[in-house]
Amino acid sequence: MSLTISLEALGRIQEIRARRETDFHHLGVAVAEHALHVRGIDGKYSGDELLRKHGELELDLDRHRTTILTRIAGSLTDQKTAGEAALAELGLDHVRRELVIDEKTGEVRELVAGRYVGVKG
């Protein structure tokens, strides 16, 4: 039987992953809303006013994108830290071994001869 991380550790990893998926969704919504806003101003403004409005919309999208991508990057770090802590709880050395955790089951697998196989406990 393969080793699995604790249910508590698995829950933390799944929670972090779920937050990141929500952030990816928010990023997609922000881009779609931006496209709709751009389309909406094209017929209302012209010349310098149109350029100014486009610039404002681009800055707004860039702020949203930066905020969301920063959260995503942070969640990747948080997930890595949570996974390493879960492996340490099992006494496994993630530095010397190529280990992964199945995010659905918590099973720990190791890369052996090009394939990931369950780590025996």
Protein backbone atom coordinates (compact mmCIF):
# COMPACT_ATOMS: atom_id res chain seq x y z
CA MET A 1 0.00 0.00 0.00
CA SER A 2 1.29 3.45 -0.93
CA LEU A 3 1.87 6.22 1.57
CA THR A 4 -0.68 9.02 1.70
CA ILE A 5 -0.46 12.39 3.36
CA SER A 6 -2.80 13.25 6.23
CA LEU A 7 -6.36 14.29 5.46
CA GLU A 8 -5.64 17.66 7.07
CA ALA A 9 -2.65 18.26 4.80
CA LEU A 10 -4.61 17.09 1.76
CA GLY A 11 -7.42 19.48 2.69
CA ARG A 12 -4.97 22.40 2.87
CA ILE A 13 -3.54 21.55 -0.55
CA GLN A 14 -7.00 21.19 -2.08
CA GLU A 15 -8.12 24.49 -0.55
CA ILE A 16 -5.10 26.30 -1.97
CA ARG A 17 -5.72 24.71 -5.37
CA ALA A 18 -9.41 25.71 -5.30
CA ARG A 19 -8.51 29.34 -4.51
CA ARG A 20 -6.07 29.36 -7.43
CA GLU A 21 -8.71 27.96 -9.80
CA THR A 22 -11.07 30.73 -8.64
CA ASP A 23 -8.36 33.29 -9.35
CA PHE A 24 -7.88 31.88 -12.86
CA HIS A 25 -11.63 32.22 -13.38
CA HIS A 26 -11.50 35.85 -12.15
CA LEU A 27 -8.69 36.54 -14.59
CA GLY A 28 -10.78 35.23 -17.47
CA VAL A 29 -13.77 37.30 -16.36
CA ALA A 30 -11.62 40.44 -16.14
CA VAL A 31 -10.32 39.92 -19.68
CA ALA A 32 -13.84 39.27 -21.03
CA GLU A 33 -15.26 42.33 -19.28
CA HIS A 34 -12.40 44.41 -20.63
CA ALA A 35 -13.19 43.28 -24.18
CA LEU A 36 -16.86 44.19 -23.70
CA HIS A 37 -15.99 47.62 -22.31
CA VAL A 38 -13.62 48.31 -25.21
CA ARG A 39 -16.28 47.29 -27.68
CA GLY A 40 -18.80 49.50 -25.87
CA ILE A 41 -16.73 52.69 -26.08
CA ASP A 42 -15.72 52.35 -29.72
CA GLY A 43 -18.98 53.78 -31.01
CA LYS A 44 -19.36 56.42 -28.29
CA TYR A 45 -16.07 58.26 -28.56
CA SER A 46 -13.62 59.34 -31.22
CA GLY A 47 -10.17 60.84 -31.53
CA ASP A 48 -8.30 61.77 -28.37
CA GLU A 49 -11.26 60.93 -26.12
CA LEU A 50 -11.37 57.39 -27.53
CA LEU A 51 -7.62 56.97 -26.98
CA ARG A 52 -7.95 58.26 -23.41
CA LYS A 53 -10.81 55.85 -22.66
CA HIS A 54 -8.88 52.94 -24.18
CA GLY A 55 -5.88 53.87 -22.04
CA GLU A 56 -8.00 53.97 -18.89
CA LEU A 57 -9.45 50.56 -19.67
CA GLU A 58 -5.99 49.10 -20.34
CA LEU A 59 -4.68 50.46 -17.03
CA ASP A 60 -7.68 49.04 -15.19
CA LEU A 61 -7.20 45.61 -16.79
CA ASP A 62 -3.48 45.70 -16.04
CA ARG A 63 -4.16 46.45 -12.35
CA HIS A 64 -6.64 43.58 -12.12
CA ARG A 65 -4.34 41.22 -14.00
CA THR A 66 -1.35 42.11 -11.81
CA THR A 67 -3.36 41.60 -8.61
CA ILE A 68 -4.75 38.25 -9.73
CA LEU A 69 -1.44 36.94 -11.10
CA THR A 70 0.27 37.92 -7.84
CA ARG A 71 -2.32 35.89 -5.91
CA ILE A 72 -1.83 32.95 -8.28
CA ALA A 73 1.94 33.05 -7.84
CA GLY A 74 1.49 33.21 -4.07
CA SER A 75 -0.83 30.21 -4.12
CA LEU A 76 1.73 28.18 -6.06
CA THR A 77 4.28 28.96 -3.34
CA ASP A 78 1.74 28.15 -0.62
CA GLN A 79 0.88 24.82 -2.26
CA LYS A 80 4.54 23.89 -2.62
CA THR A 81 5.16 24.74 1.04
CA ALA A 82 2.10 22.74 2.16
CA GLY A 83 3.18 19.76 0.07
CA GLU A 84 6.72 19.85 1.40
CA ALA A 85 5.40 20.03 4.97
CA ALA A 86 3.10 17.05 4.31
CA LEU A 87 6.04 15.04 2.94
CA ALA A 88 8.18 16.03 5.93
CA GLU A 89 5.42 14.75 8.27
CA LEU A 90 5.90 11.35 6.61
CA GLY A 91 9.67 11.59 7.00
CA LEU A 92 10.21 11.90 3.24
CA ASP A 93 13.01 14.02 1.80
CA HIS A 94 11.60 16.04 -1.10
CA VAL A 95 15.03 17.51 -1.84
CA ARG A 96 16.78 14.22 -2.62
CA ARG A 97 13.79 12.43 -4.14
CA GLU A 98 11.45 13.38 -6.97
CA LEU A 99 8.12 13.17 -5.16
CA VAL A 100 4.61 14.27 -6.08
CA ILE A 101 1.33 14.19 -4.20
CA ASP A 102 -1.89 13.19 -5.93
CA GLU A 103 -4.14 16.18 -5.21
CA LYS A 104 -7.29 14.04 -5.14
CA THR A 105 -6.19 11.07 -3.05
CA GLY A 106 -3.12 12.31 -1.18
CA GLU A 107 -1.06 9.39 -2.47
CA VAL A 108 2.67 10.05 -2.55
CA ARG A 109 4.47 9.01 -5.72
CA GLU A 110 8.13 8.95 -6.67
CA LEU A 111 9.74 9.22 -10.07
CA VAL A 112 11.51 5.92 -10.73
CA ALA A 113 12.93 5.05 -14.14
CA GLY A 114 10.79 7.67 -15.86
CA ARG A 115 7.48 6.68 -14.16
CA TYR A 116 5.76 7.84 -11.03
CA VAL A 117 5.10 4.95 -8.67
CA GLY A 118 3.49 4.84 -5.25
CA VAL A 119 5.87 5.20 -2.32
CA LYS A 120 5.52 2.18 -0.07
CA GLY A 121 5.02 2.77 3.64
